[in-house]
Amino acid sequence: RPGIYAVGDVRSGSVKRVASGVGEG
């Protein structure tokens, strides 16, 4: 959907680490 984004652990294929979550966010 336009204007809706997903970051961190809820995102498919994300690296489940604190640093990567902060980076994506």
mmCIF file of all heavy atoms, coordinates in Angstrom:
data_MODEL
# 
_entry.id   MODEL 
# 
loop_
_atom_site.group_PDB 
_atom_site.id 
_atom_site.type_symbol 
_atom_site.label_atom_id 
_atom_site.label_alt_id 
_atom_site.label_comp_id 
_atom_site.label_asym_id 
_atom_site.label_entity_id 
_atom_site.label_seq_id 
_atom_site.pdbx_PDB_ins_code 
_atom_site.Cartn_x 
_atom_site.Cartn_y 
_atom_site.Cartn_z 
_atom_site.occupancy 
_atom_site.B_iso_or_equiv 
_atom_site.pdbx_formal_charge 
_atom_site.auth_seq_id 
_atom_site.auth_comp_id 
_atom_site.auth_asym_id 
_atom_site.auth_atom_id 
_atom_site.pdbx_PDB_model_num 
ATOM 1   N N   . ARG A 1 1  ? 0.841  -1.191  0.000  1.00 0.00 ? 1  ARG A N   1 
ATOM 2   C CA  . ARG A 1 1  ? 0.000  0.000   0.000  1.00 0.00 ? 1  ARG A CA  1 
ATOM 3   C C   . ARG A 1 1  ? 0.880  1.246   0.000  1.00 0.00 ? 1  ARG A C   1 
ATOM 4   O O   . ARG A 1 1  ? 1.840  1.329   0.773  1.00 0.00 ? 1  ARG A O   1 
ATOM 5   C CB  . ARG A 1 1  ? -0.909 0.024   1.238  1.00 0.00 ? 1  ARG A CB  1 
ATOM 6   C CG  . ARG A 1 1  ? -1.881 -1.126  1.322  1.00 0.00 ? 1  ARG A CG  1 
ATOM 7   C CD  . ARG A 1 1  ? -3.129 -0.873  0.505  1.00 0.00 ? 1  ARG A CD  1 
ATOM 8   N NE  . ARG A 1 1  ? -4.090 -1.969  0.662  1.00 0.00 ? 1  ARG A NE  1 
ATOM 9   C CZ  . ARG A 1 1  ? -5.333 -1.931  0.214  1.00 0.00 ? 1  ARG A CZ  1 
ATOM 10  N NH1 . ARG A 1 1  ? -5.773 -0.851  -0.423 1.00 0.00 ? 1  ARG A NH1 1 
ATOM 11  N NH2 . ARG A 1 1  ? -6.136 -2.972  0.384  1.00 0.00 ? 1  ARG A NH2 1 
ATOM 12  N N   . PRO A 1 2  ? 0.567  2.235   -0.816 1.00 0.00 ? 2  PRO A N   1 
ATOM 13  C CA  . PRO A 1 2  ? 1.372  3.464   -0.831 1.00 0.00 ? 2  PRO A CA  1 
ATOM 14  C C   . PRO A 1 2  ? 1.285  4.189   0.506  1.00 0.00 ? 2  PRO A C   1 
ATOM 15  O O   . PRO A 1 2  ? 0.217  4.297   1.107  1.00 0.00 ? 2  PRO A O   1 
ATOM 16  C CB  . PRO A 1 2  ? 0.736  4.290   -1.958 1.00 0.00 ? 2  PRO A CB  1 
ATOM 17  C CG  . PRO A 1 2  ? -0.648 3.746   -2.100 1.00 0.00 ? 2  PRO A CG  1 
ATOM 18  C CD  . PRO A 1 2  ? -0.550 2.291   -1.783 1.00 0.00 ? 2  PRO A CD  1 
ATOM 19  N N   . GLY A 1 3  ? 2.433  4.668   0.977  1.00 0.00 ? 3  GLY A N   1 
ATOM 20  C CA  . GLY A 1 3  ? 2.469  5.418   2.225  1.00 0.00 ? 3  GLY A CA  1 
ATOM 21  C C   . GLY A 1 3  ? 2.499  4.569   3.469  1.00 0.00 ? 3  GLY A C   1 
ATOM 22  O O   . GLY A 1 3  ? 2.499  5.095   4.578  1.00 0.00 ? 3  GLY A O   1 
ATOM 23  N N   . ILE A 1 4  ? 2.520  3.236   3.325  1.00 0.00 ? 4  ILE A N   1 
ATOM 24  C CA  . ILE A 1 4  ? 2.636  2.341   4.480  1.00 0.00 ? 4  ILE A CA  1 
ATOM 25  C C   . ILE A 1 4  ? 3.954  1.577   4.355  1.00 0.00 ? 4  ILE A C   1 
ATOM 26  O O   . ILE A 1 4  ? 4.231  0.957   3.319  1.00 0.00 ? 4  ILE A O   1 
ATOM 27  C CB  . ILE A 1 4  ? 1.459  1.354   4.568  1.00 0.00 ? 4  ILE A CB  1 
ATOM 28  C CG1 . ILE A 1 4  ? 0.137  2.115   4.652  1.00 0.00 ? 4  ILE A CG1 1 
ATOM 29  C CG2 . ILE A 1 4  ? 1.618  0.449   5.780  1.00 0.00 ? 4  ILE A CG2 1 
ATOM 30  C CD1 . ILE A 1 4  ? -1.083 1.213   4.748  1.00 0.00 ? 4  ILE A CD1 1 
ATOM 31  N N   . TYR A 1 5  ? 4.748  1.607   5.409  1.00 0.00 ? 5  TYR A N   1 
ATOM 32  C CA  . TYR A 1 5  ? 6.080  1.006   5.393  1.00 0.00 ? 5  TYR A CA  1 
ATOM 33  C C   . TYR A 1 5  ? 6.225  0.063   6.590  1.00 0.00 ? 5  TYR A C   1 
ATOM 34  O O   . TYR A 1 5  ? 5.528  0.208   7.598  1.00 0.00 ? 5  TYR A O   1 
ATOM 35  C CB  . TYR A 1 5  ? 7.151  2.103   5.442  1.00 0.00 ? 5  TYR A CB  1 
ATOM 36  C CG  . TYR A 1 5  ? 6.960  3.136   4.363  1.00 0.00 ? 5  TYR A CG  1 
ATOM 37  C CD1 . TYR A 1 5  ? 6.156  4.254   4.580  1.00 0.00 ? 5  TYR A CD1 1 
ATOM 38  C CD2 . TYR A 1 5  ? 7.538  2.971   3.103  1.00 0.00 ? 5  TYR A CD2 1 
ATOM 39  C CE1 . TYR A 1 5  ? 5.942  5.192   3.584  1.00 0.00 ? 5  TYR A CE1 1 
ATOM 40  C CE2 . TYR A 1 5  ? 7.336  3.906   2.092  1.00 0.00 ? 5  TYR A CE2 1 
ATOM 41  C CZ  . TYR A 1 5  ? 6.527  5.012   2.335  1.00 0.00 ? 5  TYR A CZ  1 
ATOM 42  O OH  . TYR A 1 5  ? 6.301  5.923   1.341  1.00 0.00 ? 5  TYR A OH  1 
ATOM 43  N N   . ALA A 1 6  ? 7.125  -0.887  6.467  1.00 0.00 ? 6  ALA A N   1 
ATOM 44  C CA  . ALA A 1 6  ? 7.383  -1.837  7.554  1.00 0.00 ? 6  ALA A CA  1 
ATOM 45  C C   . ALA A 1 6  ? 8.879  -1.903  7.822  1.00 0.00 ? 6  ALA A C   1 
ATOM 46  O O   . ALA A 1 6  ? 9.684  -1.988  6.877  1.00 0.00 ? 6  ALA A O   1 
ATOM 47  C CB  . ALA A 1 6  ? 6.846  -3.223  7.203  1.00 0.00 ? 6  ALA A CB  1 
ATOM 48  N N   . VAL A 1 7  ? 9.249  -1.855  9.105  1.00 0.00 ? 7  VAL A N   1 
ATOM 49  C CA  . VAL A 1 7  ? 10.655 -1.899  9.504  1.00 0.00 ? 7  VAL A CA  1 
ATOM 50  C C   . VAL A 1 7  ? 10.815 -2.786  10.731 1.00 0.00 ? 7  VAL A C   1 
ATOM 51  O O   . VAL A 1 7  ? 9.863  -3.046  11.469 1.00 0.00 ? 7  VAL A O   1 
ATOM 52  C CB  . VAL A 1 7  ? 11.197 -0.481  9.815  1.00 0.00 ? 7  VAL A CB  1 
ATOM 53  C CG1 . VAL A 1 7  ? 11.213 0.388   8.566  1.00 0.00 ? 7  VAL A CG1 1 
ATOM 54  C CG2 . VAL A 1 7  ? 10.369 0.190   10.914 1.00 0.00 ? 7  VAL A CG2 1 
ATOM 55  N N   . GLY A 1 8  ? 12.030 -3.255  10.930 1.00 0.00 ? 8  GLY A N   1 
ATOM 56  C CA  . GLY A 1 8  ? 12.330 -4.048  12.116 1.00 0.00 ? 8  GLY A CA  1 
ATOM 57  C C   . GLY A 1 8  ? 11.862 -5.483  12.024 1.00 0.00 ? 8  GLY A C   1 
ATOM 58  O O   . GLY A 1 8  ? 11.667 -6.030  10.929 1.00 0.00 ? 8  GLY A O   1 
ATOM 59  N N   . ASP A 1 9  ? 11.643 -6.094  13.167 1.00 0.00 ? 9  ASP A N   1 
ATOM 60  C CA  . ASP A 1 9  ? 11.382 -7.522  13.241 1.00 0.00 ? 9  ASP A CA  1 
ATOM 61  C C   . ASP A 1 9  ? 10.104 -7.954  12.541 1.00 0.00 ? 9  ASP A C   1 
ATOM 62  O O   . ASP A 1 9  ? 9.978  -9.115  12.142 1.00 0.00 ? 9  ASP A O   1 
ATOM 63  C CB  . ASP A 1 9  ? 11.312 -7.968  14.708 1.00 0.00 ? 9  ASP A CB  1 
ATOM 64  C CG  . ASP A 1 9  ? 12.676 -7.978  15.384 1.00 0.00 ? 9  ASP A CG  1 
ATOM 65  O OD1 . ASP A 1 9  ? 13.673 -7.674  14.700 1.00 0.00 ? 9  ASP A OD1 1 
ATOM 66  O OD2 . ASP A 1 9  ? 12.744 -8.273  16.592 1.00 0.00 ? 9  ASP A OD2 1 
ATOM 67  N N   . VAL A 1 10 ? 9.132  -7.068  12.389 1.00 0.00 ? 10 VAL A N   1 
ATOM 68  C CA  . VAL A 1 10 ? 7.872  -7.449  11.747 1.00 0.00 ? 10 VAL A CA  1 
ATOM 69  C C   . VAL A 1 10 ? 8.011  -7.566  10.231 1.00 0.00 ? 10 VAL A C   1 
ATOM 70  O O   . VAL A 1 10 ? 7.159  -8.159  9.569  1.00 0.00 ? 10 VAL A O   1 
ATOM 71  C CB  . VAL A 1 10 ? 6.763  -6.424  12.098 1.00 0.00 ? 10 VAL A CB  1 
ATOM 72  C CG1 . VAL A 1 10 ? 6.938  -5.120  11.308 1.00 0.00 ? 10 VAL A CG1 1 
ATOM 73  C CG2 . VAL A 1 10 ? 5.377  -7.008  11.875 1.00 0.00 ? 10 VAL A CG2 1 
ATOM 74  N N   . ARG A 1 11 ? 9.100  -7.048  9.690  1.00 0.00 ? 11 ARG A N   1 
ATOM 75  C CA  . ARG A 1 11 ? 9.301  -7.054  8.239  1.00 0.00 ? 11 ARG A CA  1 
ATOM 76  C C   . ARG A 1 11 ? 9.882  -8.380  7.775  1.00 0.00 ? 11 ARG A C   1 
ATOM 77  O O   . ARG A 1 11 ? 10.835 -8.888  8.360  1.00 0.00 ? 11 ARG A O   1 
ATOM 78  C CB  . ARG A 1 11 ? 10.228 -5.901  7.827  1.00 0.00 ? 11 ARG A CB  1 
ATOM 79  C CG  . ARG A 1 11 ? 10.354 -5.699  6.318  1.00 0.00 ? 11 ARG A CG  1 
ATOM 80  C CD  . ARG A 1 11 ? 11.207 -4.488  6.009  1.00 0.00 ? 11 ARG A CD  1 
ATOM 81  N NE  . ARG A 1 11 ? 12.602 -4.715  6.319  1.00 0.00 ? 11 ARG A NE  1 
ATOM 82  C CZ  . ARG A 1 11 ? 13.469 -5.340  5.511  1.00 0.00 ? 11 ARG A CZ  1 
ATOM 83  N NH1 . ARG A 1 11 ? 13.064 -5.803  4.333  1.00 0.00 ? 11 ARG A NH1 1 
ATOM 84  N NH2 . ARG A 1 11 ? 14.727 -5.494  5.876  1.00 0.00 ? 11 ARG A NH2 1 
ATOM 85  N N   . SER A 1 12 ? 9.306  -8.937  6.749  1.00 0.00 ? 12 SER A N   1 
ATOM 86  C CA  . SER A 1 12 ? 9.790  -10.199 6.193  1.00 0.00 ? 12 SER A CA  1 
ATOM 87  C C   . SER A 1 12 ? 11.220 -10.032 5.671  1.00 0.00 ? 12 SER A C   1 
ATOM 88  O O   . SER A 1 12 ? 11.521 -9.099  4.935  1.00 0.00 ? 12 SER A O   1 
ATOM 89  C CB  . SER A 1 12 ? 8.877  -10.647 5.049  1.00 0.00 ? 12 SER A CB  1 
ATOM 90  O OG  . SER A 1 12 ? 9.339  -11.860 4.490  1.00 0.00 ? 12 SER A OG  1 
ATOM 91  N N   . GLY A 1 13 ? 12.105 -10.929 6.088  1.00 0.00 ? 13 GLY A N   1 
ATOM 92  C CA  . GLY A 1 13 ? 13.484 -10.907 5.618  1.00 0.00 ? 13 GLY A CA  1 
ATOM 93  C C   . GLY A 1 13 ? 14.400 -9.998  6.403  1.00 0.00 ? 13 GLY A C   1 
ATOM 94  O O   . GLY A 1 13 ? 15.589 -9.895  6.077  1.00 0.00 ? 13 GLY A O   1 
ATOM 95  N N   . SER A 1 14 ? 13.917 -9.334  7.442  1.00 0.00 ? 14 SER A N   1 
ATOM 96  C CA  . SER A 1 14 ? 14.772 -8.430  8.221  1.00 0.00 ? 14 SER A CA  1 
ATOM 97  C C   . SER A 1 14 ? 15.740 -9.230  9.085  1.00 0.00 ? 14 SER A C   1 
ATOM 98  O O   . SER A 1 14 ? 15.483 -10.383 9.437  1.00 0.00 ? 14 SER A O   1 
ATOM 99  C CB  . SER A 1 14 ? 13.924 -7.515  9.108  1.00 0.00 ? 14 SER A CB  1 
ATOM 100 O OG  . SER A 1 14 ? 13.257 -8.266  10.104 1.00 0.00 ? 14 SER A OG  1 
ATOM 101 N N   . VAL A 1 15 ? 16.851 -8.586  9.422  1.00 0.00 ? 15 VAL A N   1 
ATOM 102 C CA  . VAL A 1 15 ? 17.810 -9.175  10.347 1.00 0.00 ? 15 VAL A CA  1 
ATOM 103 C C   . VAL A 1 15 ? 17.340 -8.866  11.761 1.00 0.00 ? 15 VAL A C   1 
ATOM 104 O O   . VAL A 1 15 ? 17.131 -7.714  12.118 1.00 0.00 ? 15 VAL A O   1 
ATOM 105 C CB  . VAL A 1 15 ? 19.215 -8.591  10.128 1.00 0.00 ? 15 VAL A CB  1 
ATOM 106 C CG1 . VAL A 1 15 ? 20.202 -9.162  11.140 1.00 0.00 ? 15 VAL A CG1 1 
ATOM 107 C CG2 . VAL A 1 15 ? 19.687 -8.891  8.702  1.00 0.00 ? 15 VAL A CG2 1 
ATOM 108 N N   . LYS A 1 16 ? 17.134 -9.887  12.557 1.00 0.00 ? 16 LYS A N   1 
ATOM 109 C CA  . LYS A 1 16 ? 16.555 -9.709  13.882 1.00 0.00 ? 16 LYS A CA  1 
ATOM 110 C C   . LYS A 1 16 ? 17.642 -9.294  14.878 1.00 0.00 ? 16 LYS A C   1 
ATOM 111 O O   . LYS A 1 16 ? 18.083 -10.058 15.729 1.00 0.00 ? 16 LYS A O   1 
ATOM 112 C CB  . LYS A 1 16 ? 15.858 -10.989 14.343 1.00 0.00 ? 16 LYS A CB  1 
ATOM 113 C CG  . LYS A 1 16 ? 14.817 -11.531 13.350 1.00 0.00 ? 16 LYS A CG  1 
ATOM 114 C CD  . LYS A 1 16 ? 13.697 -10.519 13.074 1.00 0.00 ? 16 LYS A CD  1 
ATOM 115 C CE  . LYS A 1 16 ? 12.577 -11.114 12.244 1.00 0.00 ? 16 LYS A CE  1 
ATOM 116 N NZ  . LYS A 1 16 ? 12.792 -11.076 10.802 1.00 0.00 ? 16 LYS A NZ  1 
ATOM 117 N N   . ARG A 1 17 ? 18.076 -8.034  14.751 1.00 0.00 ? 17 ARG A N   1 
ATOM 118 C CA  . ARG A 1 17 ? 19.073 -7.445  15.630 1.00 0.00 ? 17 ARG A CA  1 
ATOM 119 C C   . ARG A 1 17 ? 18.651 -6.022  15.965 1.00 0.00 ? 17 ARG A C   1 
ATOM 120 O O   . ARG A 1 17 ? 18.020 -5.340  15.156 1.00 0.00 ? 17 ARG A O   1 
ATOM 121 C CB  . ARG A 1 17 ? 20.460 -7.423  14.972 1.00 0.00 ? 17 ARG A CB  1 
ATOM 122 C CG  . ARG A 1 17 ? 21.117 -8.803  14.836 1.00 0.00 ? 17 ARG A CG  1 
ATOM 123 C CD  . ARG A 1 17 ? 21.611 -9.311  16.193 1.00 0.00 ? 17 ARG A CD  1 
ATOM 124 N NE  . ARG A 1 17 ? 22.390 -10.527 16.071 1.00 0.00 ? 17 ARG A NE  1 
ATOM 125 C CZ  . ARG A 1 17 ? 21.888 -11.750 16.115 1.00 0.00 ? 17 ARG A CZ  1 
ATOM 126 N NH1 . ARG A 1 17 ? 20.578 -11.913 16.263 1.00 0.00 ? 17 ARG A NH1 1 
ATOM 127 N NH2 . ARG A 1 17 ? 22.662 -12.806 16.014 1.00 0.00 ? 17 ARG A NH2 1 
ATOM 128 N N   . VAL A 1 18 ? 19.014 -5.550  17.151 1.00 0.00 ? 18 VAL A N   1 
ATOM 129 C CA  . VAL A 1 18 ? 18.652 -4.205  17.577 1.00 0.00 ? 18 VAL A CA  1 
ATOM 130 C C   . VAL A 1 18 ? 19.228 -3.166  16.620 1.00 0.00 ? 18 VAL A C   1 
ATOM 131 O O   . VAL A 1 18 ? 18.535 -2.231  16.194 1.00 0.00 ? 18 VAL A O   1 
ATOM 132 C CB  . VAL A 1 18 ? 19.154 -3.941  19.013 1.00 0.00 ? 18 VAL A CB  1 
ATOM 133 C CG1 . VAL A 1 18 ? 18.943 -2.474  19.393 1.00 0.00 ? 18 VAL A CG1 1 
ATOM 134 C CG2 . VAL A 1 18 ? 18.431 -4.849  19.997 1.00 0.00 ? 18 VAL A CG2 1 
ATOM 135 N N   . ALA A 1 19 ? 20.496 -3.318  16.254 1.00 0.00 ? 19 ALA A N   1 
ATOM 136 C CA  . ALA A 1 19 ? 21.142 -2.327  15.402 1.00 0.00 ? 19 ALA A CA  1 
ATOM 137 C C   . ALA A 1 19 ? 20.473 -2.224  14.038 1.00 0.00 ? 19 ALA A C   1 
ATOM 138 O O   . ALA A 1 19 ? 20.297 -1.123  13.499 1.00 0.00 ? 19 ALA A O   1 
ATOM 139 C CB  . ALA A 1 19 ? 22.623 -2.671  15.233 1.00 0.00 ? 19 ALA A CB  1 
ATOM 140 N N   . SER A 1 20 ? 20.082 -3.364  13.463 1.00 0.00 ? 20 SER A N   1 
ATOM 141 C CA  . SER A 1 20 ? 19.434 -3.316  12.151 1.00 0.00 ? 20 SER A CA  1 
ATOM 142 C C   . SER A 1 20 ? 18.058 -2.678  12.260 1.00 0.00 ? 20 SER A C   1 
ATOM 143 O O   . SER A 1 20 ? 17.619 -1.945  11.368 1.00 0.00 ? 20 SER A O   1 
ATOM 144 C CB  . SER A 1 20 ? 19.328 -4.718  11.553 1.00 0.00 ? 20 SER A CB  1 
ATOM 145 O OG  . SER A 1 20 ? 18.537 -5.569  12.364 1.00 0.00 ? 20 SER A OG  1 
ATOM 146 N N   . GLY A 1 21 ? 17.340 -2.926  13.361 1.00 0.00 ? 21 GLY A N   1 
ATOM 147 C CA  . GLY A 1 21 ? 16.041 -2.295  13.570 1.00 0.00 ? 21 GLY A CA  1 
ATOM 148 C C   . GLY A 1 21 ? 16.163 -0.786  13.657 1.00 0.00 ? 21 GLY A C   1 
ATOM 149 O O   . GLY A 1 21 ? 15.371 -0.038  13.061 1.00 0.00 ? 21 GLY A O   1 
ATOM 150 N N   . VAL A 1 22 ? 17.168 -0.313  14.406 1.00 0.00 ? 22 VAL A N   1 
ATOM 151 C CA  . VAL A 1 22 ? 17.402 1.132   14.518 1.00 0.00 ? 22 VAL A CA  1 
ATOM 152 C C   . VAL A 1 22 ? 17.757 1.714   13.150 1.00 0.00 ? 22 VAL A C   1 
ATOM 153 O O   . VAL A 1 22 ? 17.264 2.781   12.773 1.00 0.00 ? 22 VAL A O   1 
ATOM 154 C CB  . VAL A 1 22 ? 18.522 1.408   15.533 1.00 0.00 ? 22 VAL A CB  1 
ATOM 155 C CG1 . VAL A 1 22 ? 18.945 2.879   15.495 1.00 0.00 ? 22 VAL A CG1 1 
ATOM 156 C CG2 . VAL A 1 22 ? 18.071 1.032   16.940 1.00 0.00 ? 22 VAL A CG2 1 
ATOM 157 N N   . GLY A 1 23 ? 18.591 0.987   12.395 1.00 0.00 ? 23 GLY A N   1 
ATOM 158 C CA  . GLY A 1 23 ? 18.966 1.468   11.062 1.00 0.00 ? 23 GLY A CA  1 
ATOM 159 C C   . GLY A 1 23 ? 17.773 1.582   10.131 1.00 0.00 ? 23 GLY A C   1 
ATOM 160 O O   . GLY A 1 23 ? 17.585 2.603   9.457  1.00 0.00 ? 23 GLY A O   1 
ATOM 161 N N   . GLU A 1 24 ? 16.945 0.541   10.094 1.00 0.00 ? 24 GLU A N   1 
ATOM 162 C CA  . GLU A 1 24 ? 15.772 0.570   9.228  1.00 0.00 ? 24 GLU A CA  1 
ATOM 163 C C   . GLU A 1 24 ? 14.812 1.679   9.651  1.00 0.00 ? 24 GLU A C   1 
ATOM 164 O O   . GLU A 1 24 ? 14.247 2.399   8.812  1.00 0.00 ? 24 GLU A O   1 
ATOM 165 C CB  . GLU A 1 24 ? 15.068 -0.784  9.251  1.00 0.00 ? 24 GLU A CB  1 
ATOM 166 C CG  . GLU A 1 24 ? 15.852 -1.907  8.598  1.00 0.00 ? 24 GLU A CG  1 
ATOM 167 C CD  . GLU A 1 24 ? 15.074 -3.211  8.539  1.00 0.00 ? 24 GLU A CD  1 
ATOM 168 O OE1 . GLU A 1 24 ? 13.862 -3.188  8.823  1.00 0.00 ? 24 GLU A OE1 1 
ATOM 169 O OE2 . GLU A 1 24 ? 15.667 -4.243  8.196  1.00 0.00 ? 24 GLU A OE2 1 
ATOM 170 N N   . GLY A 1 25 ? 14.617 1.822   10.948 1.00 0.00 ? 25 GLY A N   1 
ATOM 171 C CA  . GLY A 1 25 ? 13.688 2.827   11.443 1.00 0.00 ? 25 GLY A CA  1 
ATOM 172 C C   . GLY A 1 25 ? 14.105 4.241   11.108 1.00 0.00 ? 25 GLY A C   1 
ATOM 173 O O   . GLY A 1 25 ? 13.251 5.114   10.885 1.00 0.00 ? 25 GLY A O   1 
# 
